[in-house]
Amino acid sequence: MYSLIMAMGTAATTSSTTGSTQGSMFTTLITFGVIILIFYFLIIRPQKKRDKEAKDMLASMKKGDKIVTIGGIRGTVAVVKESTVIVKVDDNARIEFSKNAISQILDKKPETAASSKKEKADKVEKVEKPAEVEAPKVEAASEAAATESNESQEKKD
């Protein structure tokens, strides 16, 4: 009889620990999910945004832009190649850098006259054509002509 009671107690204990193990596993998975979301929104997503902005900046770089390299060298872009940039740092000194070595563009070169005119044309607002006014009736036109002739006769007198 004693062994029967012990077996029943052991079975009850085993089923209760299985339920608590599943509950703690679920809690652990939720905790890991929350940590992954935090890492995504605080680290991964902002880094992707910065990378995209840097890529766009390097793609828009052109001759005449004033730039700063990651080493702190300042100069003016002389030639833009596919993967490199030649930077004029002094009157006769030119240095070739990898595009990835450019940290920022300080001053953009002013637009050419043709491209600035095109931008201004794009910015001009389109004004709707005013609604057409009906032509005055013939009677009104003849009355206006009669008053004008009366006025001109009065001026002559």
N, C-alpha and C. Protein backbone atom coordinates (compact mmCIF):
# COMPACT_ATOMS: atom_id res chain seq x y z
N MET A 1 0.81 -1.17 0.00
CA MET A 1 0.00 0.00 0.00
C MET A 1 0.88 1.26 0.00
N TYR A 2 1.91 1.19 0.78
CA TYR A 2 2.82 2.31 0.86
C TYR A 2 3.40 2.62 -0.52
N SER A 3 3.76 1.62 -1.27
CA SER A 3 4.34 1.84 -2.59
C SER A 3 3.31 2.44 -3.55
N LEU A 4 2.03 2.10 -3.39
CA LEU A 4 0.98 2.67 -4.21
C LEU A 4 0.84 4.17 -3.95
N ILE A 5 0.89 4.56 -2.68
CA ILE A 5 0.78 5.97 -2.31
C ILE A 5 1.99 6.74 -2.84
N MET A 6 3.16 6.13 -2.74
CA MET A 6 4.37 6.79 -3.24
C MET A 6 4.31 6.96 -4.76
N ALA A 7 3.79 5.98 -5.46
CA ALA A 7 3.71 6.06 -6.90
C ALA A 7 2.74 7.16 -7.32
N MET A 8 1.64 7.30 -6.59
CA MET A 8 0.67 8.34 -6.90
C MET A 8 1.27 9.72 -6.63
N GLY A 9 2.00 9.86 -5.59
CA GLY A 9 2.64 11.14 -5.26
C GLY A 9 3.68 11.52 -6.29
N THR A 10 4.44 10.55 -6.75
CA THR A 10 5.47 10.79 -7.76
C THR A 10 4.82 11.20 -9.09
N ALA A 11 3.71 10.57 -9.45
CA ALA A 11 3.02 10.91 -10.70
C ALA A 11 2.47 12.32 -10.63
N ALA A 12 1.93 12.73 -9.49
CA ALA A 12 1.39 14.07 -9.33
C ALA A 12 2.51 15.11 -9.43
N THR A 13 3.66 14.82 -8.83
CA THR A 13 4.78 15.74 -8.86
C THR A 13 5.31 15.88 -10.29
N THR A 14 5.39 14.81 -11.01
CA THR A 14 5.91 14.85 -12.38
C THR A 14 5.00 15.67 -13.29
N SER A 15 3.71 15.53 -13.20
CA SER A 15 2.80 16.29 -14.05
C SER A 15 2.84 17.78 -13.71
N SER A 16 3.01 18.14 -12.46
CA SER A 16 3.06 19.56 -12.10
C SER A 16 4.36 20.20 -12.57
N THR A 17 5.47 19.49 -12.55
CA THR A 17 6.72 20.07 -13.02
C THR A 17 6.72 20.20 -14.54
N THR A 18 6.06 19.32 -15.24
CA THR A 18 5.97 19.43 -16.69
C THR A 18 5.21 20.69 -17.08
N GLY A 19 4.13 20.99 -16.39
CA GLY A 19 3.36 22.20 -16.65
C GLY A 19 4.17 23.45 -16.36
N SER A 20 4.91 23.48 -15.28
CA SER A 20 5.70 24.66 -14.95
C SER A 20 6.89 24.81 -15.90
N THR A 21 7.43 23.71 -16.42
CA THR A 21 8.52 23.78 -17.37
C THR A 21 8.05 24.40 -18.68
N GLN A 22 6.86 24.02 -19.11
CA GLN A 22 6.32 24.61 -20.33
C GLN A 22 6.03 26.10 -20.14
N GLY A 23 5.53 26.48 -19.00
CA GLY A 23 5.26 27.89 -18.71
C GLY A 23 6.53 28.72 -18.68
N SER A 24 7.58 28.18 -18.06
CA SER A 24 8.84 28.93 -18.00
C SER A 24 9.50 29.00 -19.38
N MET A 25 9.32 27.96 -20.21
CA MET A 25 9.86 27.99 -21.57
C MET A 25 9.16 29.05 -22.40
N PHE A 26 7.86 29.16 -22.25
CA PHE A 26 7.08 30.17 -22.96
C PHE A 26 7.52 31.57 -22.55
N THR A 27 7.72 31.78 -21.26
CA THR A 27 8.18 33.07 -20.75
C THR A 27 9.57 33.40 -21.30
N THR A 28 10.44 32.41 -21.38
CA THR A 28 11.78 32.61 -21.90
C THR A 28 11.73 33.01 -23.39
N LEU A 29 10.88 32.33 -24.16
CA LEU A 29 10.76 32.66 -25.58
C LEU A 29 10.23 34.08 -25.78
N ILE A 30 9.27 34.49 -24.98
CA ILE A 30 8.74 35.86 -25.07
C ILE A 30 9.83 36.87 -24.74
N THR A 31 10.63 36.57 -23.73
CA THR A 31 11.72 37.47 -23.33
C THR A 31 12.73 37.61 -24.47
N PHE A 32 13.12 36.49 -25.09
CA PHE A 32 14.05 36.56 -26.22
C PHE A 32 13.46 37.34 -27.39
N GLY A 33 12.18 37.15 -27.66
CA GLY A 33 11.52 37.89 -28.73
C GLY A 33 11.55 39.38 -28.49
N VAL A 34 11.29 39.80 -27.26
CA VAL A 34 11.31 41.21 -26.91
C VAL A 34 12.73 41.78 -27.06
N ILE A 35 13.73 41.01 -26.65
CA ILE A 35 15.12 41.47 -26.77
C ILE A 35 15.50 41.62 -28.24
N ILE A 36 15.07 40.69 -29.09
CA ILE A 36 15.37 40.78 -30.52
C ILE A 36 14.70 42.01 -31.12
N LEU A 37 13.46 42.30 -30.76
CA LEU A 37 12.78 43.50 -31.25
C LEU A 37 13.50 44.77 -30.81
N ILE A 38 13.95 44.81 -29.57
CA ILE A 38 14.68 45.98 -29.06
C ILE A 38 15.96 46.19 -29.87
N PHE A 39 16.71 45.10 -30.11
CA PHE A 39 17.93 45.21 -30.91
C PHE A 39 17.62 45.71 -32.31
N TYR A 40 16.54 45.21 -32.90
CA TYR A 40 16.20 45.63 -34.26
C TYR A 40 15.91 47.12 -34.31
N PHE A 41 15.05 47.61 -33.42
CA PHE A 41 14.64 49.02 -33.50
C PHE A 41 15.70 49.99 -32.97
N LEU A 42 16.58 49.56 -32.10
CA LEU A 42 17.58 50.48 -31.55
C LEU A 42 18.94 50.38 -32.22
N ILE A 43 19.24 49.26 -32.87
CA ILE A 43 20.58 49.10 -33.45
C ILE A 43 20.54 48.84 -34.95
N ILE A 44 19.83 47.83 -35.38
CA ILE A 44 19.88 47.39 -36.78
C ILE A 44 19.23 48.39 -37.71
N ARG A 45 18.02 48.82 -37.40
CA ARG A 45 17.28 49.74 -38.28
C ARG A 45 17.98 51.09 -38.46
N PRO A 46 18.43 51.74 -37.37
CA PRO A 46 19.15 53.02 -37.55
C PRO A 46 20.45 52.86 -38.35
N GLN A 47 21.14 51.73 -38.18
CA GLN A 47 22.38 51.50 -38.93
C GLN A 47 22.09 51.37 -40.42
N LYS A 48 21.03 50.68 -40.78
CA LYS A 48 20.65 50.57 -42.20
C LYS A 48 20.31 51.94 -42.78
N LYS A 49 19.65 52.79 -41.98
CA LYS A 49 19.30 54.13 -42.44
C LYS A 49 20.55 54.97 -42.70
N ARG A 50 21.53 54.90 -41.78
CA ARG A 50 22.78 55.64 -41.95
C ARG A 50 23.55 55.14 -43.18
N ASP A 51 23.55 53.83 -43.39
CA ASP A 51 24.24 53.27 -44.56
C ASP A 51 23.61 53.76 -45.85
N LYS A 52 22.29 53.81 -45.89
CA LYS A 52 21.59 54.28 -47.09
C LYS A 52 21.90 55.75 -47.36
N GLU A 53 21.91 56.59 -46.30
CA GLU A 53 22.22 58.01 -46.46
C GLU A 53 23.65 58.20 -46.97
N ALA A 54 24.60 57.42 -46.45
CA ALA A 54 25.99 57.53 -46.89
C ALA A 54 26.12 57.10 -48.35
N LYS A 55 25.42 56.06 -48.74
CA LYS A 55 25.47 55.59 -50.13
C LYS A 55 24.89 56.65 -51.06
N ASP A 56 23.79 57.28 -50.68
CA ASP A 56 23.19 58.33 -51.49
C ASP A 56 24.12 59.54 -51.61
N MET A 57 24.80 59.88 -50.50
CA MET A 57 25.72 61.01 -50.51
C MET A 57 26.87 60.74 -51.49
N LEU A 58 27.44 59.54 -51.45
CA LEU A 58 28.55 59.21 -52.33
C LEU A 58 28.10 59.17 -53.79
N ALA A 59 26.88 58.74 -54.03
CA ALA A 59 26.37 58.68 -55.40
C ALA A 59 26.13 60.09 -55.96
N SER A 60 25.80 61.05 -55.10
CA SER A 60 25.51 62.41 -55.57
C SER A 60 26.75 63.29 -55.65
N MET A 61 27.90 62.78 -55.27
CA MET A 61 29.14 63.55 -55.29
C MET A 61 29.54 63.86 -56.74
N LYS A 62 29.96 65.10 -56.98
CA LYS A 62 30.37 65.49 -58.33
C LYS A 62 31.54 66.46 -58.26
N LYS A 63 32.10 66.77 -59.42
CA LYS A 63 33.26 67.65 -59.51
C LYS A 63 32.92 69.02 -58.93
N GLY A 64 33.83 69.54 -58.10
CA GLY A 64 33.66 70.87 -57.52
C GLY A 64 33.13 70.85 -56.09
N ASP A 65 32.64 69.70 -55.60
CA ASP A 65 32.15 69.61 -54.22
C ASP A 65 33.31 69.65 -53.24
N LYS A 66 33.12 70.34 -52.14
CA LYS A 66 34.14 70.37 -51.08
C LYS A 66 33.81 69.24 -50.12
N ILE A 67 34.83 68.41 -49.82
CA ILE A 67 34.60 67.20 -49.03
C ILE A 67 35.61 67.09 -47.88
N VAL A 68 35.30 66.16 -46.96
CA VAL A 68 36.21 65.80 -45.87
C VAL A 68 36.34 64.29 -45.88
N THR A 69 37.58 63.80 -45.80
CA THR A 69 37.79 62.35 -45.78
C THR A 69 37.70 61.85 -44.34
N ILE A 70 37.69 60.52 -44.18
CA ILE A 70 37.63 59.97 -42.83
C ILE A 70 38.91 60.24 -42.06
N GLY A 71 39.98 60.58 -42.77
CA GLY A 71 41.25 60.94 -42.12
C GLY A 71 41.34 62.41 -41.78
N GLY A 72 40.33 63.20 -42.18
CA GLY A 72 40.32 64.62 -41.86
C GLY A 72 40.87 65.52 -42.95
N ILE A 73 41.23 64.96 -44.09
CA ILE A 73 41.76 65.76 -45.18
C ILE A 73 40.61 66.46 -45.89
N ARG A 74 40.77 67.78 -46.07
CA ARG A 74 39.74 68.57 -46.75
C ARG A 74 40.23 68.94 -48.13
N GLY A 75 39.32 68.93 -49.08
CA GLY A 75 39.70 69.28 -50.43
C GLY A 75 38.49 69.43 -51.33
N THR A 76 38.77 69.62 -52.60
CA THR A 76 37.72 69.79 -53.60
C THR A 76 37.80 68.63 -54.58
N VAL A 77 36.66 68.07 -54.93
CA VAL A 77 36.63 66.94 -55.85
C VAL A 77 37.04 67.43 -57.23
N ALA A 78 38.07 66.77 -57.80
CA ALA A 78 38.55 67.13 -59.13
C ALA A 78 37.98 66.17 -60.17
N VAL A 79 37.98 64.89 -59.85
CA VAL A 79 37.49 63.87 -60.79
C VAL A 79 36.76 62.80 -59.97
N VAL A 80 35.61 62.37 -60.48
CA VAL A 80 34.87 61.28 -59.86
C VAL A 80 34.93 60.09 -60.79
N LYS A 81 35.49 58.99 -60.29
CA LYS A 81 35.57 57.76 -61.06
C LYS A 81 34.55 56.77 -60.50
N GLU A 82 34.57 55.55 -61.01
CA GLU A 82 33.58 54.56 -60.60
C GLU A 82 33.71 54.21 -59.12
N SER A 83 34.92 53.92 -58.65
CA SER A 83 35.10 53.54 -57.26
C SER A 83 36.06 54.45 -56.50
N THR A 84 36.65 55.43 -57.18
CA THR A 84 37.58 56.34 -56.54
C THR A 84 37.25 57.79 -56.87
N VAL A 85 37.88 58.68 -56.10
CA VAL A 85 37.70 60.12 -56.29
C VAL A 85 39.08 60.76 -56.20
N ILE A 86 39.36 61.67 -57.12
CA ILE A 86 40.61 62.43 -57.04
C ILE A 86 40.27 63.78 -56.43
N VAL A 87 40.95 64.06 -55.30
CA VAL A 87 40.67 65.27 -54.52
C VAL A 87 41.83 66.24 -54.65
N LYS A 88 41.52 67.48 -54.98
CA LYS A 88 42.52 68.53 -55.08
C LYS A 88 42.63 69.16 -53.70
N VAL A 89 43.80 69.00 -53.05
CA VAL A 89 43.99 69.51 -51.70
C VAL A 89 44.79 70.81 -51.67
N ASP A 90 45.52 71.10 -52.75
CA ASP A 90 46.29 72.33 -52.85
C ASP A 90 46.37 72.68 -54.34
N ASP A 91 47.09 73.73 -54.68
CA ASP A 91 47.15 74.15 -56.08
C ASP A 91 47.61 73.02 -57.00
N ASN A 92 48.69 72.35 -56.64
CA ASN A 92 49.24 71.30 -57.51
C ASN A 92 49.16 69.91 -56.87
N ALA A 93 48.53 69.78 -55.75
CA ALA A 93 48.47 68.50 -55.06
C ALA A 93 47.10 67.85 -55.24
N ARG A 94 47.13 66.63 -55.79
CA ARG A 94 45.91 65.87 -55.98
C ARG A 94 46.12 64.49 -55.37
N ILE A 95 45.11 64.00 -54.66
CA ILE A 95 45.20 62.69 -54.01
C ILE A 95 44.00 61.86 -54.44
N GLU A 96 44.25 60.59 -54.72
CA GLU A 96 43.16 59.70 -55.11
C GLU A 96 42.71 58.90 -53.88
N PHE A 97 41.40 58.94 -53.62
CA PHE A 97 40.82 58.24 -52.48
C PHE A 97 39.76 57.26 -52.96
N SER A 98 39.54 56.24 -52.18
CA SER A 98 38.39 55.37 -52.41
C SER A 98 37.15 56.16 -52.03
N LYS A 99 36.04 55.93 -52.73
CA LYS A 99 34.81 56.67 -52.41
C LYS A 99 34.38 56.43 -50.97
N ASN A 100 34.67 55.23 -50.46
CA ASN A 100 34.28 54.92 -49.08
C ASN A 100 35.07 55.72 -48.05
N ALA A 101 36.16 56.37 -48.46
CA ALA A 101 36.98 57.16 -47.55
C ALA A 101 36.43 58.58 -47.37
N ILE A 102 35.37 58.94 -48.09
CA ILE A 102 34.77 60.27 -47.96
C ILE A 102 33.75 60.22 -46.84
N SER A 103 33.94 61.07 -45.83
CA SER A 103 33.01 61.03 -44.70
C SER A 103 31.84 61.99 -44.88
N GLN A 104 32.08 63.14 -45.48
CA GLN A 104 30.97 64.08 -45.69
C GLN A 104 31.28 65.07 -46.80
N ILE A 105 30.21 65.63 -47.34
CA ILE A 105 30.34 66.68 -48.34
C ILE A 105 30.01 67.99 -47.63
N LEU A 106 30.98 68.92 -47.62
CA LEU A 106 30.78 70.20 -46.91
C LEU A 106 29.93 71.16 -47.72
N ASP A 107 30.37 71.47 -48.92
CA ASP A 107 29.65 72.42 -49.78
C ASP A 107 29.43 71.78 -51.13
N LYS A 108 28.18 71.81 -51.55
CA LYS A 108 27.85 71.32 -52.88
C LYS A 108 28.24 72.39 -53.89
N LYS A 109 28.70 71.98 -55.05
CA LYS A 109 29.02 72.91 -56.13
C LYS A 109 27.71 73.53 -56.61
N PRO A 110 27.71 74.83 -56.88
CA PRO A 110 26.49 75.45 -57.39
C PRO A 110 26.05 74.79 -58.68
N GLU A 111 24.74 74.74 -58.86
CA GLU A 111 24.16 74.14 -60.06
C GLU A 111 24.53 74.97 -61.29
N THR A 112 24.56 74.35 -62.43
CA THR A 112 24.80 75.09 -63.66
C THR A 112 23.55 75.87 -64.02
N ALA A 113 23.68 76.85 -64.87
CA ALA A 113 22.55 77.71 -65.22
C ALA A 113 21.43 76.92 -65.87
N ALA A 114 21.75 75.97 -66.72
CA ALA A 114 20.71 75.20 -67.42
C ALA A 114 19.91 74.35 -66.44
N SER A 115 20.59 73.72 -65.50
CA SER A 115 19.87 72.85 -64.57
C SER A 115 19.07 73.68 -63.56
N SER A 116 19.58 74.88 -63.20
CA SER A 116 18.81 75.71 -62.27
C SER A 116 17.56 76.26 -62.93
N LYS A 117 17.64 76.59 -64.25
CA LYS A 117 16.45 77.06 -64.96
C LYS A 117 15.41 75.95 -65.02
N LYS A 118 15.89 74.74 -65.22
CA LYS A 118 14.96 73.60 -65.28
C LYS A 118 14.26 73.42 -63.94
N GLU A 119 15.01 73.54 -62.83
CA GLU A 119 14.40 73.41 -61.51
C GLU A 119 13.40 74.52 -61.27
N LYS A 120 13.73 75.77 -61.69
CA LYS A 120 12.80 76.87 -61.51
C LYS A 120 11.53 76.64 -62.30
N ALA A 121 11.69 76.08 -63.49
CA ALA A 121 10.51 75.79 -64.31
C ALA A 121 9.65 74.74 -63.64
N ASP A 122 10.28 73.78 -62.97
CA ASP A 122 9.51 72.75 -62.26
C ASP A 122 8.79 73.34 -61.06
N LYS A 123 9.38 74.37 -60.43
CA LYS A 123 8.80 74.95 -59.24
C LYS A 123 7.67 75.93 -59.53
N VAL A 124 7.58 76.41 -60.77
CA VAL A 124 6.55 77.38 -61.13
C VAL A 124 5.19 76.72 -60.96
N GLU A 125 4.32 77.42 -60.27
CA GLU A 125 2.98 76.89 -60.05
C GLU A 125 2.16 77.04 -61.32
N LYS A 126 1.35 76.07 -61.55
CA LYS A 126 0.46 76.14 -62.70
C LYS A 126 -0.81 76.82 -62.25
N VAL A 127 -1.19 77.84 -62.98
CA VAL A 127 -2.39 78.61 -62.67
C VAL A 127 -3.49 78.18 -63.61
N GLU A 128 -4.64 77.95 -63.03
CA GLU A 128 -5.75 77.52 -63.87
C GLU A 128 -6.24 78.68 -64.73
N LYS A 129 -6.70 78.36 -65.88
CA LYS A 129 -7.24 79.35 -66.80
C LYS A 129 -8.55 79.87 -66.23
N PRO A 130 -8.74 81.17 -66.18
CA PRO A 130 -9.99 81.68 -65.61
C PRO A 130 -11.18 81.23 -66.45
N ALA A 131 -12.30 81.12 -65.77
CA ALA A 131 -13.51 80.70 -66.47
C ALA A 131 -13.87 81.73 -67.54
N GLU A 132 -14.32 81.25 -68.66
CA GLU A 132 -14.64 82.16 -69.75
C GLU A 132 -15.89 82.95 -69.40
N VAL A 133 -15.85 84.23 -69.71
CA VAL A 133 -16.98 85.12 -69.44
C VAL A 133 -17.82 85.18 -70.71
N GLU A 134 -19.10 85.10 -70.51
CA GLU A 134 -19.99 85.14 -71.67
C GLU A 134 -19.87 86.49 -72.36
N ALA A 135 -20.00 86.48 -73.67
CA ALA A 135 -19.94 87.72 -74.44
C ALA A 135 -21.17 88.57 -74.09
N PRO A 136 -20.99 89.89 -73.99
CA PRO A 136 -22.14 90.72 -73.64
C PRO A 136 -23.20 90.66 -74.73
N LYS A 137 -24.39 90.82 -74.31
CA LYS A 137 -25.50 90.75 -75.25
C LYS A 137 -25.44 91.93 -76.20
N VAL A 138 -26.04 91.76 -77.35
CA VAL A 138 -26.00 92.78 -78.40
C VAL A 138 -26.65 94.07 -77.92
N GLU A 139 -27.69 93.96 -77.16
CA GLU A 139 -28.38 95.16 -76.66
C GLU A 139 -27.47 95.97 -75.76
N ALA A 140 -26.75 95.26 -74.88
CA ALA A 140 -25.85 95.94 -73.96
C ALA A 140 -24.73 96.62 -74.74
N ALA A 141 -24.25 95.96 -75.78
CA ALA A 141 -23.17 96.53 -76.58
C ALA A 141 -23.65 97.79 -77.30
N SER A 142 -24.88 97.76 -77.83
CA SER A 142 -25.39 98.94 -78.55
C SER A 142 -25.62 100.09 -77.57
N GLU A 143 -26.04 99.79 -76.34
CA GLU A 143 -26.23 100.84 -75.33
C GLU A 143 -24.91 101.47 -74.96
N ALA A 144 -23.86 100.63 -74.84
CA ALA A 144 -22.53 101.14 -74.49
C ALA A 144 -22.02 102.05 -75.61
N ALA A 145 -22.25 101.66 -76.84
CA ALA A 145 -21.81 102.48 -77.97
C ALA A 145 -22.55 103.81 -78.00
N ALA A 146 -23.83 103.78 -77.66
CA ALA A 146 -24.63 105.01 -77.65
C ALA A 146 -24.14 105.95 -76.56
N THR A 147 -23.81 105.44 -75.40
CA THR A 147 -23.33 106.30 -74.31
C THR A 147 -21.96 106.87 -74.66
N GLU A 148 -21.12 106.10 -75.33
CA GLU A 148 -19.81 106.60 -75.74
C GLU A 148 -19.95 107.74 -76.75
N SER A 149 -20.86 107.59 -77.69
CA SER A 149 -21.04 108.65 -78.68
C SER A 149 -21.60 109.91 -78.03
N ASN A 150 -22.49 109.75 -77.04
CA ASN A 150 -23.02 110.91 -76.31
C ASN A 150 -21.90 111.61 -75.54
N GLU A 151 -21.03 110.87 -74.94
CA GLU A 151 -19.94 111.44 -74.16
C GLU A 151 -18.98 112.18 -75.09
N SER A 152 -18.68 111.62 -76.25
CA SER A 152 -17.76 112.26 -77.17
C SER A 152 -18.35 113.57 -77.74
N GLN A 153 -19.68 113.60 -77.92
CA GLN A 153 -20.32 114.83 -78.40
C GLN A 153 -20.28 115.89 -77.32
N GLU A 154 -20.44 115.50 -76.07
CA GLU A 154 -20.42 116.47 -74.98
C GLU A 154 -19.02 117.08 -74.83
N LYS A 155 -18.00 116.29 -75.07
CA LYS A 155 -16.63 116.80 -74.97
C LYS A 155 -16.33 117.80 -76.07
N LYS A 156 -16.90 117.56 -77.26
CA LYS A 156 -16.67 118.47 -78.38
C LYS A 156 -17.36 119.82 -78.13
N ASP A 157 -18.48 119.79 -77.46
CA ASP A 157 -19.24 121.03 -77.21
C ASP A 157 -18.56 121.79 -76.14
